[in-house]
C-alpha atoms as a PDB file:
ATOM      1  CA  MET A   1      59.819 -46.313 -42.629  1.00  0.00           C
ATOM      2  CA  LYS A   2      59.102 -42.810 -40.954  1.00  0.00           C
ATOM      3  CA  ILE A   3      56.992 -41.027 -42.791  1.00  0.00           C
ATOM      4  CA  ALA A   4      54.344 -38.135 -42.402  1.00  0.00           C
ATOM      5  CA  ILE A   5      50.808 -38.023 -43.504  1.00  0.00           C
ATOM      6  CA  VAL A   6      48.841 -34.512 -44.950  1.00  0.00           C
ATOM      7  CA  THR A   7      45.179 -34.519 -45.750  1.00  0.00           C
ATOM      8  CA  GLY A   8      43.651 -31.740 -47.835  1.00  0.00           C
ATOM      9  CA  ALA A   9      47.222 -31.615 -49.269  1.00  0.00           C
ATOM     10  CA  SER A  10      46.921 -30.293 -53.273  1.00  0.00           C
ATOM     11  CA  SER A  11      45.552 -26.347 -51.234  1.00  0.00           C
ATOM     12  CA  GLY A  12      45.368 -24.694 -48.810  1.00  0.00           C
ATOM     13  CA  MET A  13      46.935 -25.244 -45.138  1.00  0.00           C
ATOM     14  CA  GLY A  14      47.461 -29.072 -46.219  1.00  0.00           C
ATOM     15  CA  ARG A  15      49.782 -27.731 -49.250  1.00  0.00           C
ATOM     16  CA  GLU A  16      51.766 -25.256 -46.994  1.00  0.00           C
ATOM     17  CA  ALA A  17      52.208 -28.524 -44.534  1.00  0.00           C
ATOM     18  CA  VAL A  18      53.520 -30.682 -46.804  1.00  0.00           C
ATOM     19  CA  VAL A  19      56.305 -27.768 -48.179  1.00  0.00           C
ATOM     20  CA  GLN A  20      57.121 -27.045 -44.673  1.00  0.00           C
ATOM     21  CA  LEU A  21      57.228 -30.741 -43.193  1.00  0.00           C
ATOM     22  CA  ALA A  22      59.787 -31.527 -45.974  1.00  0.00           C
ATOM     23  CA  ASP A  23      61.795 -28.572 -45.545  1.00  0.00           C
ATOM     24  CA  ARG A  24      62.372 -29.419 -41.851  1.00  0.00           C
ATOM     25  CA  PHE A  25      62.179 -32.791 -41.274  1.00  0.00           C
ATOM     26  CA  SER A  26      65.478 -34.228 -43.569  1.00  0.00           C
ATOM     27  CA  ARG A  27      65.057 -37.700 -41.648  1.00  0.00           C
ATOM     28  CA  LEU A  28      61.434 -38.321 -43.389  1.00  0.00           C
ATOM     29  CA  GLU A  29      61.721 -40.647 -45.845  1.00  0.00           C
ATOM     30  CA  GLU A  30      58.710 -39.684 -47.471  1.00  0.00           C
ATOM     31  CA  ILE A  31      55.845 -37.951 -47.040  1.00  0.00           C
ATOM     32  CA  TRP A  32      51.952 -39.235 -48.085  1.00  0.00           C
ATOM     33  CA  VAL A  33      50.165 -36.563 -49.661  1.00  0.00           C
ATOM     34  CA  ILE A  34      45.942 -37.323 -49.938  1.00  0.00           C
ATOM     35  CA  ALA A  35      43.456 -35.501 -52.136  1.00  0.00           C
ATOM     36  CA  ARG A  36      41.326 -35.843 -55.067  1.00  0.00           C
ATOM     37  CA  ARG A  37      43.394 -33.383 -57.608  1.00  0.00           C
ATOM     38  CA  LYS A  38      45.831 -35.576 -58.456  1.00  0.00           C
ATOM     39  CA  GLU A  39      47.551 -33.392 -60.873  1.00  0.00           C
ATOM     40  CA  ARG A  40      48.214 -30.873 -57.761  1.00  0.00           C
ATOM     41  CA  LEU A  41      49.274 -33.449 -56.174  1.00  0.00           C
ATOM     42  CA  GLU A  42      51.784 -34.546 -58.693  1.00  0.00           C
ATOM     43  CA  ASN A  43      52.765 -30.877 -58.924  1.00  0.00           C
ATOM     44  CA  LEU A  44      54.988 -31.025 -55.363  1.00  0.00           C
ATOM     45  CA  LYS A  45      56.990 -33.485 -56.602  1.00  0.00           C
ATOM     46  CA  GLY A  46      59.369 -31.217 -57.620  1.00  0.00           C
ATOM     47  CA  GLN A  47      58.351 -28.624 -55.023  1.00  0.00           C
ATOM     48  CA  VAL A  48      59.883 -30.365 -51.787  1.00  0.00           C
ATOM     49  CA  PRO A  49      63.016 -32.111 -50.953  1.00  0.00           C
ATOM     50  CA  VAL A  50      61.637 -35.544 -49.518  1.00  0.00           C
ATOM     51  CA  PRO A  51      59.490 -38.164 -51.503  1.00  0.00           C
ATOM     52  CA  LEU A  52      56.177 -38.179 -52.048  1.00  0.00           C
ATOM     53  CA  ARG A  53      53.198 -41.012 -51.898  1.00  0.00           C
ATOM     54  CA  ILE A  54      50.206 -39.798 -54.096  1.00  0.00           C
ATOM     55  CA  LEU A  55      46.922 -41.037 -52.497  1.00  0.00           C
ATOM     56  CA  CYS A  56      44.500 -39.936 -54.671  1.00  0.00           C
ATOM     57  CA  LEU A  57      40.930 -39.908 -52.088  1.00  0.00           C
ATOM     58  CA  ASP A  58      38.029 -38.460 -51.302  1.00  0.00           C
ATOM     59  CA  LEU A  59      37.919 -39.047 -47.970  1.00  0.00           C
ATOM     60  CA  SER A  60      34.284 -38.505 -47.562  1.00  0.00           C
ATOM     61  CA  LEU A  61      33.782 -41.699 -49.555  1.00  0.00           C
ATOM     62  CA  GLU A  62      33.834 -45.134 -47.610  1.00  0.00           C
ATOM     63  CA  GLN A  63      35.910 -46.875 -50.008  1.00  0.00           C
ATOM     64  CA  ASP A  64      38.498 -44.473 -50.091  1.00  0.00           C
ATOM     65  CA  LEU A  65      38.820 -43.923 -46.265  1.00  0.00           C
ATOM     66  CA  ALA A  66      39.193 -48.382 -46.701  1.00  0.00           C
ATOM     67  CA  ARG A  67      41.431 -48.265 -49.243  1.00  0.00           C
ATOM     68  CA  LEU A  68      44.031 -45.658 -46.884  1.00  0.00           C
ATOM     69  CA  GLY A  69      43.403 -48.199 -44.495  1.00  0.00           C
ATOM     70  CA  GLU A  70      44.653 -51.024 -46.910  1.00  0.00           C
ATOM     71  CA  GLU A  71      47.507 -48.905 -48.192  1.00  0.00           C
ATOM     72  CA  LEU A  72      48.678 -48.207 -44.244  1.00  0.00           C
ATOM     73  CA  LYS A  73      48.219 -52.326 -43.593  1.00  0.00           C
ATOM     74  CA  GLN A  74      50.643 -53.205 -46.944  1.00  0.00           C
ATOM     75  CA  GLN A  75      52.998 -50.813 -45.976  1.00  0.00           C
ATOM     76  CA  LYS A  76      53.287 -50.602 -42.050  1.00  0.00           C
ATOM     77  CA  PRO A  77      54.931 -47.065 -41.812  1.00  0.00           C
ATOM     78  CA  ASP A  78      56.098 -45.481 -38.737  1.00  0.00           C
ATOM     79  CA  VAL A  79      53.848 -42.634 -38.900  1.00  0.00           C
ATOM     80  CA  LYS A  80      56.060 -39.304 -37.044  1.00  0.00           C
ATOM     81  CA  ILE A  81      53.519 -36.443 -37.859  1.00  0.00           C
ATOM     82  CA  LEU A  82      49.803 -36.504 -38.887  1.00  0.00           C
ATOM     83  CA  VAL A  83      48.818 -33.525 -40.079  1.00  0.00           C
ATOM     84  CA  ASN A  84      44.477 -33.823 -40.495  1.00  0.00           C
ATOM     85  CA  ALA A  85      44.012 -30.215 -42.629  1.00  0.00           C
ATOM     86  CA  ALA A  86      40.633 -31.175 -44.976  1.00  0.00           C
ATOM     87  CA  GLY A  87      37.485 -29.410 -44.315  1.00  0.00           C
ATOM     88  CA  TYR A  88      34.836 -27.000 -45.626  1.00  0.00           C
ATOM     89  CA  GLY A  89      32.124 -24.510 -44.852  1.00  0.00           C
ATOM     90  CA  LYS A  90      29.235 -23.089 -45.936  1.00  0.00           C
ATOM     91  CA  ILE A  91      27.843 -19.749 -44.661  1.00  0.00           C
ATOM     92  CA  GLY A  92      23.730 -19.349 -43.628  1.00  0.00           C
ATOM     93  CA  ASN A  93      21.342 -19.563 -41.562  1.00  0.00           C
ATOM     94  CA  VAL A  94      20.441 -22.706 -40.348  1.00  0.00           C
ATOM     95  CA  GLY A  95      18.060 -23.910 -42.644  1.00  0.00           C
ATOM     96  CA  SER A  96      18.989 -21.860 -45.683  1.00  0.00           C
ATOM     97  CA  VAL A  97      21.765 -23.881 -46.534  1.00  0.00           C
ATOM     98  CA  ASP A  98      21.066 -27.584 -48.045  1.00  0.00           C
ATOM     99  CA  ILE A  99      20.629 -29.865 -45.256  1.00  0.00           C
ATOM    100  CA  SER A 100      23.254 -32.334 -47.878  1.00  0.00           C
ATOM    101  CA  GLN A 101      25.778 -29.319 -47.253  1.00  0.00           C
ATOM    102  CA  GLU A 102      24.955 -28.556 -43.669  1.00  0.00           C
ATOM    103  CA  SER A 103      25.494 -32.652 -43.027  1.00  0.00           C
ATOM    104  CA  GLY A 104      28.139 -32.598 -45.148  1.00  0.00           C
ATOM    105  CA  MET A 105      29.766 -30.361 -42.942  1.00  0.00           C
ATOM    106  CA  VAL A 106      29.717 -32.514 -39.683  1.00  0.00           C
ATOM    107  CA  ARG A 107      30.917 -35.788 -41.955  1.00  0.00           C
ATOM    108  CA  VAL A 108      33.751 -34.195 -43.772  1.00  0.00           C
ATOM    109  CA  ASN A 109      34.931 -31.670 -40.289  1.00  0.00           C
ATOM    110  CA  CYS A 110      34.162 -34.230 -37.898  1.00  0.00           C
ATOM    111  CA  GLU A 111      33.732 -38.075 -38.660  1.00  0.00           C
ATOM    112  CA  THR A 112      36.485 -37.589 -41.581  1.00  0.00           C
ATOM    113  CA  LEU A 113      39.324 -36.030 -39.285  1.00  0.00           C
ATOM    114  CA  VAL A 114      37.800 -38.627 -36.440  1.00  0.00           C
ATOM    115  CA  ARG A 115      38.013 -42.075 -38.780  1.00  0.00           C
ATOM    116  CA  VAL A 116      41.347 -40.813 -40.117  1.00  0.00           C
ATOM    117  CA  THR A 117      43.384 -40.473 -36.686  1.00  0.00           C
ATOM    118  CA  HIS A 118      41.325 -43.966 -36.039  1.00  0.00           C
ATOM    119  CA  GLN A 119      43.233 -45.155 -39.143  1.00  0.00           C
ATOM    120  CA  VAL A 120      46.612 -43.812 -37.942  1.00  0.00           C
ATOM    121  CA  LEU A 121      46.832 -44.165 -34.789  1.00  0.00           C
ATOM    122  CA  PRO A 122      48.287 -47.378 -34.816  1.00  0.00           C
ATOM    123  CA  TYR A 123      51.191 -47.402 -36.964  1.00  0.00           C
ATOM    124  CA  MET A 124      52.198 -43.731 -34.619  1.00  0.00           C
ATOM    125  CA  SER A 125      55.282 -44.364 -32.268  1.00  0.00           C
ATOM    126  CA  ARG A 126      56.867 -42.634 -29.440  1.00  0.00           C
ATOM    127  CA  HIS A 127      57.394 -39.088 -29.764  1.00  0.00           C
ATOM    128  CA  GLY A 128      54.586 -38.319 -32.721  1.00  0.00           C
ATOM    129  CA  ARG A 129      53.018 -35.592 -33.750  1.00  0.00           C
ATOM    130  CA  ILE A 130      49.387 -34.882 -34.800  1.00  0.00           C
ATOM    131  CA  LEU A 131      48.079 -31.572 -36.154  1.00  0.00           C
ATOM    132  CA  GLN A 132      44.461 -31.160 -36.235  1.00  0.00           C
ATOM    133  CA  PHE A 133      42.872 -27.947 -38.652  1.00  0.00           C
ATOM    134  CA  ALA A 134      40.248 -26.595 -36.321  1.00  0.00           C
ATOM    135  CA  SER A 135      39.662 -22.259 -36.192  1.00  0.00           C
ATOM    136  CA  ALA A 136      39.319 -19.301 -34.151  1.00  0.00           C
ATOM    137  CA  ALA A 137      35.624 -20.181 -34.714  1.00  0.00           C
ATOM    138  CA  ALA A 138      35.942 -22.378 -32.373  1.00  0.00           C
ATOM    139  CA  PHE A 139      36.459 -20.351 -29.537  1.00  0.00           C
ATOM    140  CA  LEU A 140      32.792 -18.870 -30.223  1.00  0.00           C
ATOM    141  CA  PRO A 141      29.602 -20.118 -31.192  1.00  0.00           C
ATOM    142  CA  GLN A 142      28.617 -18.227 -34.982  1.00  0.00           C
ATOM    143  CA  PRO A 143      25.357 -17.093 -36.131  1.00  0.00           C
ATOM    144  CA  GLY A 144      24.807 -17.350 -39.649  1.00  0.00           C
ATOM    145  CA  PHE A 145      27.923 -19.625 -39.948  1.00  0.00           C
ATOM    146  CA  ALA A 146      26.654 -22.352 -37.092  1.00  0.00           C
ATOM    147  CA  VAL A 147      27.137 -25.771 -38.775  1.00  0.00           C
ATOM    148  CA  TYR A 148      30.835 -24.827 -39.452  1.00  0.00           C
ATOM    149  CA  ALA A 149      31.635 -23.274 -36.054  1.00  0.00           C
ATOM    150  CA  ALA A 150      30.380 -25.980 -33.824  1.00  0.00           C
ATOM    151  CA  THR A 151      32.264 -28.845 -35.988  1.00  0.00           C
ATOM    152  CA  LYS A 152      35.560 -26.432 -35.268  1.00  0.00           C
ATOM    153  CA  ALA A 153      34.535 -26.233 -31.550  1.00  0.00           C
ATOM    154  CA  PHE A 154      34.447 -30.671 -32.172  1.00  0.00           C
ATOM    155  CA  VAL A 155      37.749 -30.522 -33.256  1.00  0.00           C
ATOM    156  CA  LEU A 156      39.076 -28.241 -30.534  1.00  0.00           C
ATOM    157  CA  SER A 157      37.281 -30.480 -27.783  1.00  0.00           C
ATOM    158  CA  TYR A 158      38.319 -33.789 -29.670  1.00  0.00           C
ATOM    159  CA  SER A 159      42.202 -32.656 -29.952  1.00  0.00           C
ATOM    160  CA  ARG A 160      42.650 -31.782 -26.659  1.00  0.00           C
ATOM    161  CA  ALA A 161      41.310 -34.970 -25.124  1.00  0.00           C
ATOM    162  CA  LEU A 162      42.602 -37.137 -27.322  1.00  0.00           C
ATOM    163  CA  GLY A 163      46.308 -35.447 -26.204  1.00  0.00           C
ATOM    164  CA  ARG A 164      45.730 -36.428 -22.660  1.00  0.00           C
ATOM    165  CA  GLU A 165      44.707 -40.006 -23.779  1.00  0.00           C
ATOM    166  CA  LEU A 166      47.977 -39.999 -25.754  1.00  0.00           C
ATOM    167  CA  LYS A 167      50.418 -38.554 -22.980  1.00  0.00           C
ATOM    168  CA  GLY A 168      51.147 -41.832 -21.888  1.00  0.00           C
ATOM    169  CA  ARG A 169      52.541 -42.807 -25.783  1.00  0.00           C
ATOM    170  CA  ASP A 170      54.246 -39.534 -25.703  1.00  0.00           C
ATOM    171  CA  ILE A 171      52.072 -38.842 -29.001  1.00  0.00           C
ATOM    172  CA  ARG A 172      51.544 -34.962 -28.670  1.00  0.00           C
ATOM    173  CA  VAL A 173      48.367 -33.409 -30.229  1.00  0.00           C
ATOM    174  CA  THR A 174      47.894 -29.693 -31.188  1.00  0.00           C
ATOM    175  CA  ALA A 175      44.418 -27.982 -32.803  1.00  0.00           C
ATOM    176  CA  VAL A 176      45.150 -25.029 -34.524  1.00  0.00           C
ATOM    177  CA  CYS A 177      43.091 -22.146 -34.062  1.00  0.00           C
ATOM    178  CA  PRO A 178      43.698 -19.500 -36.983  1.00  0.00           C
ATOM    179  CA  GLY A 179      41.874 -16.834 -37.575  1.00  0.00           C
ATOM    180  CA  PRO A 180      41.578 -15.355 -41.180  1.00  0.00           C
ATOM    181  CA  VAL A 181      44.050 -16.408 -43.952  1.00  0.00           C
ATOM    182  CA  ARG A 182      45.153 -14.699 -47.040  1.00  0.00           C
ATOM    183  CA  THR A 183      44.755 -17.462 -49.566  1.00  0.00           C
ATOM    184  CA  GLU A 184      43.261 -17.844 -53.649  1.00  0.00           C
ATOM    185  CA  PHE A 185      40.081 -19.850 -51.485  1.00  0.00           C
ATOM    186  CA  PHE A 186      39.448 -16.821 -49.417  1.00  0.00           C
ATOM    187  CA  ARG A 187      38.937 -14.660 -52.352  1.00  0.00           C
ATOM    188  CA  ILE A 188      36.749 -17.376 -54.335  1.00  0.00           C
ATOM    189  CA  ALA A 189      34.893 -17.727 -51.132  1.00  0.00           C
ATOM    190  CA  GLU A 190      33.521 -14.677 -51.476  1.00  0.00           C
ATOM    191  CA  THR A 191      31.853 -15.149 -54.270  1.00  0.00           C
ATOM    192  CA  ASP A 192      28.313 -15.039 -52.490  1.00  0.00           C
ATOM    193  CA  SER A 193      28.685 -12.439 -49.494  1.00  0.00           C
ATOM    194  CA  ARG A 194      31.700 -10.258 -48.835  1.00  0.00           C
ATOM    195  CA  MET A 195      33.815 -10.703 -45.856  1.00  0.00           C
ATOM    196  CA  PRO A 196      33.117  -7.850 -43.010  1.00  0.00           C
ATOM    197  CA  ALA A 197      35.939  -4.666 -43.584  1.00  0.00           C
ATOM    198  CA  TYR A 198      37.517  -5.349 -40.602  1.00  0.00           C
ATOM    199  CA  LYS A 199      38.425  -9.128 -41.002  1.00  0.00           C
ATOM    200  CA  GLU A 200      41.050  -7.465 -43.389  1.00  0.00           C
ATOM    201  CA  LEU A 201      42.882  -6.489 -40.309  1.00  0.00           C
ATOM    202  CA  PHE A 202      43.500  -9.746 -39.122  1.00  0.00           C
ATOM    203  CA  MET A 203      43.834 -11.515 -42.500  1.00  0.00           C
ATOM    204  CA  ALA A 204      47.299 -14.080 -41.984  1.00  0.00           C
ATOM    205  CA  ASP A 205      50.083 -15.425 -44.147  1.00  0.00           C
ATOM    206  CA  PRO A 206      49.115 -19.174 -44.860  1.00  0.00           C
ATOM    207  CA  ARG A 207      53.190 -19.780 -44.487  1.00  0.00           C
ATOM    208  CA  LYS A 208      53.510 -17.967 -41.304  1.00  0.00           C
ATOM    209  CA  VAL A 209      50.363 -19.781 -39.604  1.00  0.00           C
ATOM    210  CA  VAL A 210      51.422 -23.043 -40.701  1.00  0.00           C
ATOM    211  CA  GLU A 211      55.276 -22.105 -39.724  1.00  0.00           C
ATOM    212  CA  LYS A 212      53.977 -21.353 -36.158  1.00  0.00           C
ATOM    213  CA  ALA A 213      51.643 -24.541 -35.757  1.00  0.00           C
ATOM    214  CA  VAL A 214      54.034 -27.201 -36.840  1.00  0.00           C
ATOM    215  CA  GLN A 215      56.792 -24.788 -34.032  1.00  0.00           C
ATOM    216  CA  ASP A 216      54.014 -25.085 -31.554  1.00  0.00           C
ATOM    217  CA  SER A 217      53.160 -29.080 -32.234  1.00  0.00           C
ATOM    218  CA  MET A 218      57.120 -29.846 -31.574  1.00  0.00           C
ATOM    219  CA  MET A 219      56.835 -27.811 -28.254  1.00  0.00           C
ATOM    220  CA  GLY A 220      54.036 -29.901 -27.048  1.00  0.00           C
ATOM    221  CA  LYS A 221      50.706 -27.094 -27.016  1.00  0.00           C
ATOM    222  CA  SER A 222      48.016 -28.775 -27.192  1.00  0.00           C
ATOM    223  CA  VAL A 223      46.394 -25.461 -29.205  1.00  0.00           C
ATOM    224  CA  SER A 224      47.932 -22.764 -31.735  1.00  0.00           C
ATOM    225  CA  ILE A 225      46.472 -19.752 -32.325  1.00  0.00           C
ATOM    226  CA  TYR A 226      48.679 -17.038 -34.519  1.00  0.00           C
ATOM    227  CA  GLY A 227      48.776 -13.405 -34.231  1.00  0.00           C
ATOM    228  CA  ILE A 228      48.283 -11.318 -31.258  1.00  0.00           C
ATOM    229  CA  PRO A 229      44.234 -10.694 -31.958  1.00  0.00           C
ATOM    230  CA  MET A 230      43.348 -14.089 -32.435  1.00  0.00           C
ATOM    231  CA  LYS A 231      44.662 -14.616 -28.776  1.00  0.00           C
ATOM    232  CA  LEU A 232      43.335 -11.852 -27.520  1.00  0.00           C
ATOM    233  CA  PHE A 233      39.587 -13.110 -29.099  1.00  0.00           C
ATOM    234  CA  GLY A 234      40.474 -16.381 -27.482  1.00  0.00           C
ATOM    235  CA  LEU A 235      40.771 -14.935 -23.923  1.00  0.00           C
ATOM    236  CA  LEU A 236      37.748 -12.794 -24.566  1.00  0.00           C
ATOM    237  CA  CYS A 237      35.660 -15.574 -25.601  1.00  0.00           C
ATOM    238  CA  LYS A 238      37.060 -17.590 -21.895  1.00  0.00           C
ATOM    239  CA  VAL A 239      36.540 -14.165 -19.817  1.00  0.00           C
ATOM    240  CA  VAL A 240      33.132 -12.763 -21.410  1.00  0.00           C
ATOM    241  CA  PRO A 241      29.495 -14.397 -21.689  1.00  0.00           C
ATOM    242  CA  HIS A 242      29.315 -15.268 -25.204  1.00  0.00           C
ATOM    243  CA  GLU A 243      25.710 -13.747 -25.310  1.00  0.00           C
ATOM    244  CA  VAL A 244      27.463 -10.079 -24.585  1.00  0.00           C
ATOM    245  CA  ILE A 245      29.814 -10.971 -27.392  1.00  0.00           C
ATOM    246  CA  LEU A 246      26.966 -12.491 -30.079  1.00  0.00           C
ATOM    247  CA  SER A 247      25.362  -9.089 -29.576  1.00  0.00           C
ATOM    248  CA  ALA A 248      28.438  -7.208 -29.855  1.00  0.00           C
ATOM    249  CA  ILE A 249      29.139  -8.753 -33.386  1.00  0.00           C
ATOM    250  CA  PRO A 250      28.677  -7.155 -36.551  1.00  0.00           C
ATOM    251  CA  GLY A 251      27.823  -7.908 -40.206  1.00  0.00           C
ATOM    252  CA  LYS A 252      25.296 -10.958 -39.144  1.00  0.00           C
ATOM    253  CA  ALA A 253      24.144 -13.362 -42.037  1.00  0.00           C
ATOM    254  CA  LYS A 254      20.976 -11.518 -43.048  1.00  0.00           C
ATOM    255  CA  ALA A 255      17.623 -13.528 -42.663  1.00  0.00           C
ATOM    256  CA  GLY A 256      17.495 -16.441 -44.926  1.00  0.00           C
ATOM    257  CA  GLY A 257      21.328 -16.594 -45.753  1.00  0.00           C
ATOM    258  CA  ALA A 258      23.496 -16.455 -48.303  1.00  0.00           C
ATOM    259  CA  GLU A 259      22.424 -18.000 -51.997  1.00  0.00           C
ATOM    260  CA  GLU A 260      23.610 -20.657 -52.419  1.00  0.00           C
ATOM    261  CA  LYS A 261      25.989 -20.794 -55.552  1.00  0.00           C
ATOM    262  CA  ARG A 262      28.393 -23.342 -56.933  1.00  0.00           C
ATOM    263  CA  GLU A 263      31.815 -23.268 -57.857  1.00  0.00           C
ATOM    264  CA  PRO A 264      33.984 -25.157 -60.472  1.00  0.00           C
ATOM    265  CA  GLU A 265      34.889 -28.589 -58.978  1.00  0.00           C
ATOM    266  CA  GLY A 266      37.836 -27.436 -57.065  1.00  0.00           C
ATOM    267  CA  GLN A 267      37.050 -24.164 -55.794  1.00  0.00           C
ATOM    268  CA  LEU A 268      35.601 -23.341 -52.422  1.00  0.00           C
ATOM    269  CA  THR A 269      32.213 -23.309 -52.338  1.00  0.00           C
ATOM    270  CA  SER A 270      31.490 -21.533 -49.513  1.00  0.00           C
ATOM    271  CA  ILE A 271      33.228 -18.503 -47.279  1.00  0.00           C
ATOM    272  CA  GLN A 272      35.256 -20.770 -44.611  1.00  0.00           C
ATOM    273  CA  GLN A 273      36.657 -17.793 -42.480  1.00  0.00           C
ATOM    274  CA  ASP A 274      33.550 -15.808 -42.555  1.00  0.00           C
ATOM    275  CA  SER A 275      32.892 -15.542 -38.197  1.00  0.00           C
ATOM    276  CA  ILE A 276      34.008 -12.985 -35.933  1.00  0.00           C
ATOM    277  CA  SER A 277      37.323 -15.205 -36.009  1.00  0.00           C
ATOM    278  CA  GLY A 278      37.793 -16.881 -39.164  1.00  0.00           C
ATOM    279  CA  GLY A 279      39.295 -19.806 -40.002  1.00  0.00           C
ATOM    280  CA  PRO A 280      41.708 -21.932 -41.296  1.00  0.00           C
ATOM    281  CA  GLU A 281      42.243 -22.015 -45.215  1.00  0.00           C
ATOM    282  CA  THR A 282      41.842 -25.783 -45.832  1.00  0.00           C
ATOM    283  CA  GLU A 283      41.598 -27.862 -48.289  1.00  0.00           C
ATOM    284  CA  GLU A 284      37.968 -27.638 -49.952  1.00  0.00           C
ATOM    285  CA  LEU A 285      35.581 -30.548 -50.320  1.00  0.00           C
ATOM    286  CA  SER A 286      33.441 -30.375 -52.824  1.00  0.00           C
ATOM    287  CA  VAL A 287      29.859 -30.659 -51.180  1.00  0.00           C
ATOM    288  CA  PRO A 288      26.438 -32.086 -53.120  1.00  0.00           C
ATOM    289  CA  GLU A 289      23.727 -30.847 -55.126  1.00  0.00           C
ATOM    290  CA  ALA A 290      20.485 -31.483 -52.554  1.00  0.00           C
ATOM    291  CA  GLY A 291      19.732 -35.306 -51.991  1.00  0.00           C
ATOM    292  CA  GLY A 292      23.515 -35.736 -53.969  1.00  0.00           C
ATOM    293  CA  SER A 293      26.193 -37.608 -51.394  1.00  0.00           C
ATOM    294  CA  LEU A 294      28.999 -35.723 -50.165  1.00  0.00           C
ATOM    295  CA  ALA A 295      32.133 -35.693 -52.375  1.00  0.00           C
ATOM    296  CA  ALA A 296      35.467 -34.585 -51.140  1.00  0.00           C
ATOM    297  CA  GLY A 297      37.264 -32.488 -53.296  1.00  0.00           C
ATOM    298  CA  GLU A 298      40.062 -30.121 -53.269  1.00  0.00           C
ATOM    299  CA  GLY A 299      39.857 -26.210 -54.034  1.00  0.00           C
ATOM    300  CA  VAL A 300      40.208 -24.721 -50.188  1.00  0.00           C
ATOM    301  CA  GLN A 301      39.874 -27.924 -47.987  1.00  0.00           C
ATOM    302  CA  LYS A 302      41.773 -27.242 -48.238  1.00  0.00           C
END
């Protein structure tokens, strides 16, 4: 059975990926959609021409990762496409954001992505494709958004190295690195702090971002960057010392960081794109109260 697997599928870029993969790849026999909010996943069923297997999982939890592993063992699918679109971000200076949220970003954006990839790889055949949602925030350290940007730098580096390792199997890996993306989650993210006005100039259409990501993946590109501004930004970060760029960034986080404010479950609790380059709107993962365990939800990431 030829399938695609999409994490963070209930909203944002993950949901858009489900729609576009279903429309573009008619030979897929099934798409496994993974997220925590079952009702949102169920709503997708009538909107795509490919059968969906609903996996209501919280990928930050050990038992739910194990459930995904068991599902793979039982079904033994031929995974043609893997899309890792789950993750979240929290704005604020280091030390001003609760440690459970800072470490949670590392766990979900990095560890969960690695573990899902590790579980799925044995079931991928030749000519497969992996899309890992990183961010243009990966190109440059981000004051006031340090942990999030660092996690996305990890995703970019990991994805490029993985692509080289899998070249012999003809499995191509693409790190998707958009700037700010116009979605409902970005608007919710501005609850605690306003996005710098100049970023409005670079807001992208999520449909176009995913469309380019899929196209770049099919072409075997290791990195997908949507839009000329973000491509120029990426080039700038390669040729100009980062200290010079950082000194020119307007709107750095104020001392003490942003005031923390919890949104209802299923909504973005942080500014996912608030960096000079922004970041992908993927499915949100809920973040814990101080001392609590991390629970992956789906408001944004995505």
